[in-house]
């Protein structure tokens, strides 16, 4: 016999929702995640699948917790009659201003599938450049870290073992050996106890030499990072990076390729040119180039040209500026920007290959020099004693 009253459902703690929120908070959205999402969305939408069905399928198969949570909220809002761009704009961690603006232009022009394809291509190009830069920088970072560890290990543990030998030789240490001994003494601390209280306090202080050394490095890094967060500091440091002897040219070419690809894709998708300049400014990645984009945007509002503004600022290569000028004259700026972007993508790839091939022997020389300096400091006093005996 069934009861006339419905059973009250037991409400417990939703562990699945908690796990989903924790996973979403710990995960991050990469350029590759956006590229894969855009490519899959465009393929299904172009095949005639409805938007709600596309969002449901993409949500189910999404492997990124943060993106999956955002897609659920976007699906719910679109189902209630909202636009896709407005729903995406509420999740800036997943979809930035560039993405939202292009989706809005695609919805307005009825070419959302084309815009999504362009977004996928743009994201794939951006991911490719980022991966190439990371791979180029990973080698010197790894080898440099190993070199520092080897140098500190030999200085702290190997060099002090020769102190007793040098004392027995009773010879005047060469200047280079004395400097290396002082460095070892500071990092490692004294080997023999002191005879008076004042010296003992100094030696106790010296025992913390490695702590002071590491704390000093952390302090310098924190000071630079704090200064970089200020507008003046960011501009000055970015300007120095553009003029760096090895990486400056690579940073400039990478920024030019990114600017041309993003700006060309925006204008080709129907985003107004002033809005496109504002979006590109936010994605420039370098404050000097962003300042030049602001100046170009102001010049456009006054009736000027983009190429002339960049020529006055002098932050882009002459070839890129000339091709922009040709695009403005022929009325095909978006196509010309695409060609410039492809050209400088190839330049970045070649520059990274050249940089990698140059850094490999350079790092070997650096490691050899560091190890050789330790060995030289150990054997110089012996040579001096042998000369005096002879």
Protein backbone atom coordinates (compact mmCIF):
# COMPACT_ATOMS: atom_id res chain seq x y z
CA UNK A 1 0.00 0.00 0.00
CA UNK A 2 1.48 3.30 -1.07
CA UNK A 3 1.25 6.41 1.04
CA UNK A 4 -0.77 9.35 -0.20
CA UNK A 5 1.99 11.69 0.85
CA UNK A 6 5.18 11.86 -1.21
CA UNK A 7 8.33 10.79 0.50
CA UNK A 8 10.63 13.60 1.46
CA UNK A 9 13.92 13.31 -0.37
CA UNK A 10 17.00 13.33 1.81
CA UNK A 11 19.23 16.24 1.01
CA UNK A 12 22.87 15.50 1.58
CA UNK A 13 26.08 17.30 0.85
CA UNK A 14 26.86 17.45 -2.88
CA UNK A 15 30.36 16.03 -3.02
CA UNK A 16 30.32 15.92 -6.83
CA UNK A 17 29.72 19.67 -7.03
CA UNK A 18 32.47 20.29 -4.48
CA UNK A 19 34.90 18.12 -6.43
CA UNK A 20 33.95 19.90 -9.65
CA UNK A 21 34.52 23.33 -8.09
CA UNK A 22 37.90 22.31 -6.65
CA UNK A 23 39.02 20.84 -9.98
CA UNK A 24 37.87 23.97 -11.82
CA UNK A 25 39.74 26.22 -9.39
CA UNK A 26 42.98 24.23 -9.72
CA UNK A 27 42.91 23.85 -13.50
CA UNK A 28 43.82 26.49 -16.09
CA UNK A 29 42.84 27.12 -19.70
CA UNK A 30 45.61 26.89 -22.28
CA UNK A 31 45.67 28.20 -25.83
CA UNK A 32 45.52 24.59 -27.02
CA UNK A 33 42.28 24.01 -25.08
CA UNK A 34 40.66 27.00 -26.79
CA UNK A 35 41.95 25.90 -30.20
CA UNK A 36 40.55 22.36 -29.84
CA UNK A 37 37.21 23.69 -28.58
CA UNK A 38 36.95 26.16 -31.47
CA UNK A 39 37.86 23.54 -34.08
CA UNK A 40 35.31 21.01 -32.77
CA UNK A 41 32.60 23.65 -32.35
CA UNK A 42 33.14 24.93 -35.89
CA UNK A 43 33.08 21.42 -37.39
CA UNK A 44 29.79 20.48 -35.73
CA UNK A 45 28.15 23.85 -36.34
CA UNK A 46 29.20 23.80 -40.00
CA UNK A 47 27.72 20.28 -40.32
CA UNK A 48 24.30 21.62 -39.36
CA UNK A 49 24.24 20.59 -35.71
CA UNK A 50 22.26 22.99 -33.53
CA UNK A 51 24.10 25.26 -31.13
CA UNK A 52 22.59 23.71 -28.01
CA UNK A 53 23.48 20.24 -29.21
CA UNK A 54 27.04 21.39 -30.00
CA UNK A 55 27.46 22.87 -26.54
CA UNK A 56 26.06 19.72 -24.89
CA UNK A 57 28.44 17.42 -26.78
CA UNK A 58 31.45 19.67 -26.17
CA UNK A 59 30.60 19.90 -22.46
CA UNK A 60 30.39 16.12 -22.09
CA UNK A 61 33.71 15.41 -23.80
CA UNK A 62 35.63 18.38 -22.34
CA UNK A 63 38.60 17.23 -20.29
CA UNK A 64 39.38 20.58 -18.65
CA UNK A 65 37.38 21.06 -15.45
CA UNK A 66 37.33 24.85 -15.60
CA UNK A 67 36.26 24.95 -19.25
CA UNK A 68 33.64 22.27 -18.63
CA UNK A 69 32.10 24.25 -15.77
CA UNK A 70 32.03 27.39 -17.94
CA UNK A 71 30.40 25.52 -20.83
CA UNK A 72 27.64 24.27 -18.54
CA UNK A 73 26.85 27.84 -17.48
CA UNK A 74 27.06 29.07 -21.09
CA UNK A 75 24.69 26.33 -22.28
CA UNK A 76 22.16 27.24 -19.61
CA UNK A 77 22.26 30.93 -20.53
CA UNK A 78 22.01 30.30 -24.29
CA UNK A 79 19.08 27.96 -23.68
CA UNK A 80 17.27 30.80 -21.91
CA UNK A 81 17.64 33.02 -24.99
CA UNK A 82 20.95 34.79 -24.38
CA UNK A 83 23.62 35.23 -27.02
CA UNK A 84 26.72 33.04 -27.12
CA UNK A 85 29.10 36.00 -26.98
CA UNK A 86 27.39 37.55 -23.94
CA UNK A 87 27.46 34.19 -22.14
CA UNK A 88 31.15 33.72 -22.92
CA UNK A 89 31.96 37.24 -21.74
CA UNK A 90 30.93 36.21 -18.21
CA UNK A 91 33.83 33.73 -18.13
CA UNK A 92 36.96 35.80 -18.88
CA UNK A 93 39.26 33.07 -17.52
CA UNK A 94 38.12 30.80 -20.36
CA UNK A 95 37.27 33.24 -23.17
CA UNK A 96 39.18 36.51 -23.40
CA UNK A 97 38.11 39.76 -25.01
CA UNK A 98 39.51 38.72 -28.38
CA UNK A 99 37.49 35.52 -28.43
CA UNK A 100 34.26 37.16 -27.30
CA UNK A 101 34.53 40.00 -29.83
CA UNK A 102 35.04 37.62 -32.74
CA UNK A 103 32.15 35.39 -31.65
CA UNK A 104 29.92 38.48 -31.36
CA UNK A 105 30.92 39.57 -34.88
CA UNK A 106 30.23 36.05 -36.17
CA UNK A 107 26.78 35.96 -34.58
CA UNK A 108 25.95 39.40 -35.94
CA UNK A 109 27.07 38.56 -39.48
CA UNK A 110 25.69 35.02 -39.51
CA UNK A 111 29.13 33.52 -40.13
CA UNK A 112 29.81 31.98 -36.74
CA UNK A 113 31.26 28.79 -38.25
CA UNK A 114 33.79 30.77 -40.31
CA UNK A 115 34.74 32.86 -37.29
CA UNK A 116 35.23 29.76 -35.15
CA UNK A 117 37.49 28.27 -37.84
CA UNK A 118 39.53 31.48 -37.91
CA UNK A 119 39.74 31.43 -34.12
CA UNK A 120 40.96 27.85 -34.20
CA UNK A 121 43.65 28.70 -36.75
CA UNK A 122 44.67 31.77 -34.76
CA UNK A 123 44.87 29.82 -31.50
CA UNK A 124 46.87 27.03 -33.15
CA UNK A 125 49.37 29.52 -34.53
CA UNK A 126 49.67 31.20 -31.14
CA UNK A 127 50.15 27.85 -29.41
CA UNK A 128 52.81 26.88 -31.94
CA UNK A 129 54.81 30.07 -31.35
CA UNK A 130 54.51 29.70 -27.56
CA UNK A 131 55.67 26.08 -27.66
CA UNK A 132 58.63 26.97 -29.85
CA UNK A 133 59.66 29.77 -27.49
CA UNK A 134 59.31 27.51 -24.46
CA UNK A 135 61.37 24.77 -26.10
CA UNK A 136 64.07 27.29 -27.02
CA UNK A 137 64.26 28.66 -23.47
CA UNK A 138 63.98 25.32 -21.69
CA UNK A 139 67.47 24.19 -22.77
CA UNK A 140 69.46 27.16 -21.40
CA UNK A 141 67.32 27.21 -18.24
CA UNK A 142 67.95 23.53 -17.56
CA UNK A 143 71.65 23.62 -18.39
CA UNK A 144 72.12 26.90 -16.51
CA UNK A 145 70.47 25.44 -13.41
CA UNK A 146 72.70 22.36 -13.57
CA UNK A 147 75.76 24.58 -14.00
CA UNK A 148 74.88 26.63 -10.92
CA UNK A 149 74.33 23.47 -8.86
CA UNK A 150 77.71 22.06 -9.99
CA UNK A 151 79.49 25.33 -9.21
CA UNK A 152 77.93 25.62 -5.75
CA UNK A 153 78.61 21.95 -5.01
CA UNK A 154 82.29 22.22 -5.93
CA UNK A 155 82.65 25.55 -4.13
CA UNK A 156 80.96 24.43 -0.91
CA UNK A 157 82.13 20.82 -0.63
CA UNK A 158 85.23 20.29 -2.81
CA UNK A 159 87.23 23.50 -2.45
CA UNK A 160 87.36 23.52 1.40
CA UNK A 161 89.07 20.09 1.39
CA UNK A 162 92.17 21.77 -0.04
CA UNK A 163 92.34 24.30 2.82
CA UNK A 164 94.49 22.01 5.00
CA UNK A 165 96.80 21.30 2.07
CA UNK A 166 97.31 25.00 1.43
CA UNK A 167 98.04 25.56 5.13
CA UNK A 168 100.69 22.84 5.10
CA UNK A 169 102.32 24.33 2.03
CA UNK A 170 102.61 27.63 3.93
CA UNK A 171 102.71 29.54 0.67
CA UNK A 172 101.09 32.81 -0.25
CA UNK A 173 97.87 32.07 -2.11
CA UNK A 174 97.38 33.65 -5.54
CA UNK A 175 94.74 36.34 -5.79
CA UNK A 176 92.36 34.14 -7.81
CA UNK A 177 92.60 31.29 -5.29
CA UNK A 178 92.05 33.68 -2.39
CA UNK A 179 88.91 35.06 -4.04
CA UNK A 180 87.53 31.55 -4.58
CA UNK A 181 88.37 30.63 -0.99
CA UNK A 182 86.51 33.69 0.27
CA UNK A 183 83.48 32.73 -1.78
CA UNK A 184 83.60 29.18 -0.40
CA UNK A 185 84.11 30.51 3.13
CA UNK A 186 81.07 32.77 2.79
CA UNK A 187 78.78 30.09 1.35
CA UNK A 188 79.88 27.19 3.53
CA UNK A 189 80.96 28.84 6.71
CA UNK A 190 84.22 28.26 8.65
CA UNK A 191 85.86 24.87 9.02
CA UNK A 192 87.86 25.54 12.24
CA UNK A 193 86.40 27.10 15.41
CA UNK A 194 87.41 30.57 16.47
CA UNK A 195 89.61 31.40 19.46
CA UNK A 196 87.88 34.54 20.74
CA UNK A 197 84.20 35.40 21.27
CA UNK A 198 84.16 38.22 18.72
CA UNK A 199 85.50 35.93 16.01
CA UNK A 200 83.03 33.23 17.05
CA UNK A 201 80.11 35.59 16.53
CA UNK A 202 81.48 36.50 13.12
CA UNK A 203 81.95 32.83 12.24
CA UNK A 204 78.40 32.04 13.35
CA UNK A 205 77.23 34.79 11.04
CA UNK A 206 79.34 33.31 8.24
CA UNK A 207 77.66 29.95 8.74
CA UNK A 208 74.51 31.52 7.33
CA UNK A 209 76.28 32.72 4.18
CA UNK A 210 74.30 30.43 1.88
CA UNK A 211 71.09 31.63 3.52
CA UNK A 212 72.05 35.26 2.92
CA UNK A 213 73.01 34.43 -0.67
CA UNK A 214 69.68 32.75 -1.46
CA UNK A 215 67.72 35.44 0.39
CA UNK A 216 69.53 38.11 -1.61
CA UNK A 217 68.65 36.42 -4.90
CA UNK A 218 65.00 36.11 -3.85
CA UNK A 219 64.96 39.75 -2.76
CA UNK A 220 66.38 40.95 -6.08
CA UNK A 221 63.87 38.83 -7.99
CA UNK A 222 60.98 40.13 -5.89
CA UNK A 223 62.12 43.74 -6.36
CA UNK A 224 62.29 43.32 -10.15
CA UNK A 225 58.88 41.62 -10.24
CA UNK A 226 57.34 44.39 -8.13
CA UNK A 227 58.86 47.11 -10.28
CA UNK A 228 57.64 45.33 -13.43
CA UNK A 229 54.06 45.59 -12.16
CA UNK A 230 54.25 49.39 -12.28
CA UNK A 231 53.48 51.11 -15.64
CA UNK A 232 56.90 52.79 -15.80
CA UNK A 233 58.76 49.64 -14.80
CA UNK A 234 56.89 47.47 -17.28
CA UNK A 235 57.61 49.92 -20.11
CA UNK A 236 61.31 50.21 -19.27
CA UNK A 237 61.89 46.48 -18.81
CA UNK A 238 59.99 45.63 -22.00
CA UNK A 239 62.06 48.23 -23.87
CA UNK A 240 65.26 46.61 -22.57
CA UNK A 241 63.99 43.18 -23.64
CA UNK A 242 63.39 44.44 -27.18
CA UNK A 243 67.00 45.70 -27.30
CA UNK A 244 68.51 42.54 -25.78
CA UNK A 245 71.38 41.26 -27.98
CA UNK A 246 70.19 37.65 -28.26
CA UNK A 247 66.47 37.56 -27.50
CA UNK A 248 65.43 41.07 -28.56
CA UNK A 249 65.06 40.27 -32.26
CA UNK A 250 63.13 37.09 -31.43
CA UNK A 251 60.74 38.96 -29.12
CA UNK A 252 60.11 41.63 -31.75
CA UNK A 253 59.41 39.14 -34.54
CA UNK A 254 57.13 37.11 -32.28
CA UNK A 255 55.19 40.25 -31.32
CA UNK A 256 54.85 41.33 -34.97
CA UNK A 257 53.57 37.89 -35.99
CA UNK A 258 51.05 37.89 -33.13
CA UNK A 259 49.86 41.44 -33.90
CA UNK A 260 49.38 40.78 -37.62
CA UNK A 261 47.58 37.47 -37.09
CA UNK A 262 45.22 38.79 -34.41
CA UNK A 263 44.52 42.16 -36.07
CA UNK A 264 44.01 40.59 -39.50
CA UNK A 265 41.66 37.94 -38.12
CA UNK A 266 39.60 40.53 -36.24
CA UNK A 267 39.15 42.87 -39.21
CA UNK A 268 38.42 39.94 -41.54
CA UNK A 269 35.73 38.73 -39.14
CA UNK A 270 33.92 42.08 -39.20
CA UNK A 271 35.12 43.63 -35.95
CA UNK A 272 35.42 47.45 -36.31
CA UNK A 273 39.00 48.59 -36.74
CA UNK A 274 39.08 50.75 -33.59
CA UNK A 275 37.72 47.90 -31.48
CA UNK A 276 40.23 45.58 -33.13
CA UNK A 277 43.10 47.90 -32.17
CA UNK A 278 41.89 48.00 -28.58
CA UNK A 279 41.73 44.20 -28.41
CA UNK A 280 45.14 43.78 -30.04
CA UNK A 281 46.61 46.24 -27.56
CA UNK A 282 45.49 44.00 -24.68
CA UNK A 283 47.06 40.92 -26.29
CA UNK A 284 50.36 42.56 -27.36
CA UNK A 285 52.41 41.10 -24.50
CA UNK A 286 54.90 43.98 -24.61
CA UNK A 287 54.20 47.43 -23.20
CA UNK A 288 56.34 49.23 -25.81
CA UNK A 289 54.37 47.65 -28.66
CA UNK A 290 51.11 48.24 -26.78
CA UNK A 291 52.01 51.94 -26.51
CA UNK A 292 52.65 52.06 -30.27
CA UNK A 293 49.24 50.44 -30.87
CA UNK A 294 47.59 53.08 -28.68
CA UNK A 295 49.33 55.77 -30.72
CA UNK A 296 48.19 54.14 -34.00
CA UNK A 297 44.61 53.97 -32.71
CA UNK A 298 44.69 57.68 -31.87
CA UNK A 299 46.10 58.45 -35.33
CA UNK A 300 43.31 56.48 -37.01
CA UNK A 301 40.70 58.48 -35.10
CA UNK A 302 42.32 61.64 -36.49
CA UNK A 303 42.38 60.27 -40.04
CA UNK A 304 45.95 58.97 -40.06
CA UNK A 305 47.27 55.58 -41.15
CA UNK A 306 48.43 52.58 -39.14
CA UNK A 307 51.68 52.14 -41.05
CA UNK A 308 52.70 55.78 -40.59
CA UNK A 309 52.01 55.60 -36.86
CA UNK A 310 54.18 52.50 -36.46
CA UNK A 311 56.90 54.10 -38.58
CA UNK A 312 56.98 57.10 -36.22
CA UNK A 313 57.21 54.86 -33.16
CA UNK A 314 59.86 52.63 -34.72
CA UNK A 315 58.84 49.44 -32.94
CA UNK A 316 58.26 47.23 -35.99
CA UNK A 317 60.53 46.11 -38.83
CA UNK A 318 60.53 48.23 -42.00
CA UNK A 319 59.27 45.30 -44.09
CA UNK A 320 56.16 44.87 -41.95
CA UNK A 321 55.42 48.61 -42.08
CA UNK A 322 55.80 48.75 -45.87
CA UNK A 323 53.48 45.78 -46.38
CA UNK A 324 50.91 47.39 -44.07
CA UNK A 325 51.13 50.57 -46.13
CA UNK A 326 50.51 48.59 -49.32
CA UNK A 327 47.51 46.91 -47.70
CA UNK A 328 46.06 50.28 -46.70
CA UNK A 329 46.54 51.66 -50.21
CA UNK A 330 44.91 48.67 -51.93
CA UNK A 331 42.11 48.29 -49.39
CA UNK A 332 43.18 44.74 -48.51
CA UNK A 333 44.82 45.34 -45.17
CA UNK A 334 43.49 42.11 -43.64
CA UNK A 335 44.98 39.94 -46.41
CA UNK A 336 48.30 41.77 -46.25
CA UNK A 337 48.39 41.38 -42.46
CA UNK A 338 47.85 37.65 -42.89
CA UNK A 339 50.82 37.43 -45.25
CA UNK A 340 52.99 39.47 -42.89
CA UNK A 341 51.97 37.24 -39.99
CA UNK A 342 52.87 34.07 -41.92
CA UNK A 343 56.20 35.56 -42.98
CA UNK A 344 57.21 36.47 -39.43
CA UNK A 345 56.00 33.14 -38.08
CA UNK A 346 58.58 31.51 -40.35
CA UNK A 347 61.13 34.08 -39.20
CA UNK A 348 60.41 33.22 -35.56
CA UNK A 349 60.79 29.52 -36.29
CA UNK A 350 64.12 30.04 -38.02
CA UNK A 351 65.31 32.40 -35.28
CA UNK A 352 64.47 29.81 -32.61
CA UNK A 353 66.39 27.12 -34.47
CA UNK A 354 69.39 29.42 -34.81
CA UNK A 355 69.16 30.43 -31.16
CA UNK A 356 69.06 26.81 -30.01
CA UNK A 357 72.07 25.86 -32.14
CA UNK A 358 73.98 28.87 -30.78
CA UNK A 359 73.09 28.31 -27.12
CA UNK A 360 74.22 24.67 -27.03
CA UNK A 361 77.97 25.35 -27.47
CA UNK A 362 77.68 28.55 -25.43
CA UNK A 363 76.29 26.70 -22.42
CA UNK A 364 79.00 24.05 -22.74
CA UNK A 365 81.62 26.80 -22.64
CA UNK A 366 79.96 28.36 -19.59
CA UNK A 367 79.90 25.06 -17.69
CA UNK A 368 83.49 24.35 -18.67
CA UNK A 369 84.55 27.81 -17.51
CA UNK A 370 82.84 27.42 -14.13
CA UNK A 371 84.34 24.01 -13.46
CA UNK A 372 87.73 25.11 -14.82
CA UNK A 373 87.80 28.12 -12.49
CA UNK A 374 87.37 25.82 -9.48
CA UNK A 375 90.12 23.48 -10.63
CA UNK A 376 92.43 26.38 -11.46
CA UNK A 377 91.97 27.90 -8.02
CA UNK A 378 92.94 24.56 -6.43
CA UNK A 379 96.09 23.98 -8.48
CA UNK A 380 97.52 27.50 -8.71
CA UNK A 381 99.02 27.42 -5.16
CA UNK A 382 100.71 24.09 -5.94
CA UNK A 383 102.28 25.57 -9.04
CA UNK A 384 103.52 28.53 -6.97
CA UNK A 385 105.13 26.21 -4.39
CA UNK A 386 106.79 24.15 -7.10
CA UNK A 387 108.18 27.32 -8.69
CA UNK A 388 109.56 28.48 -5.34
CA UNK A 389 111.19 25.09 -4.70
CA UNK A 390 112.72 25.07 -8.17
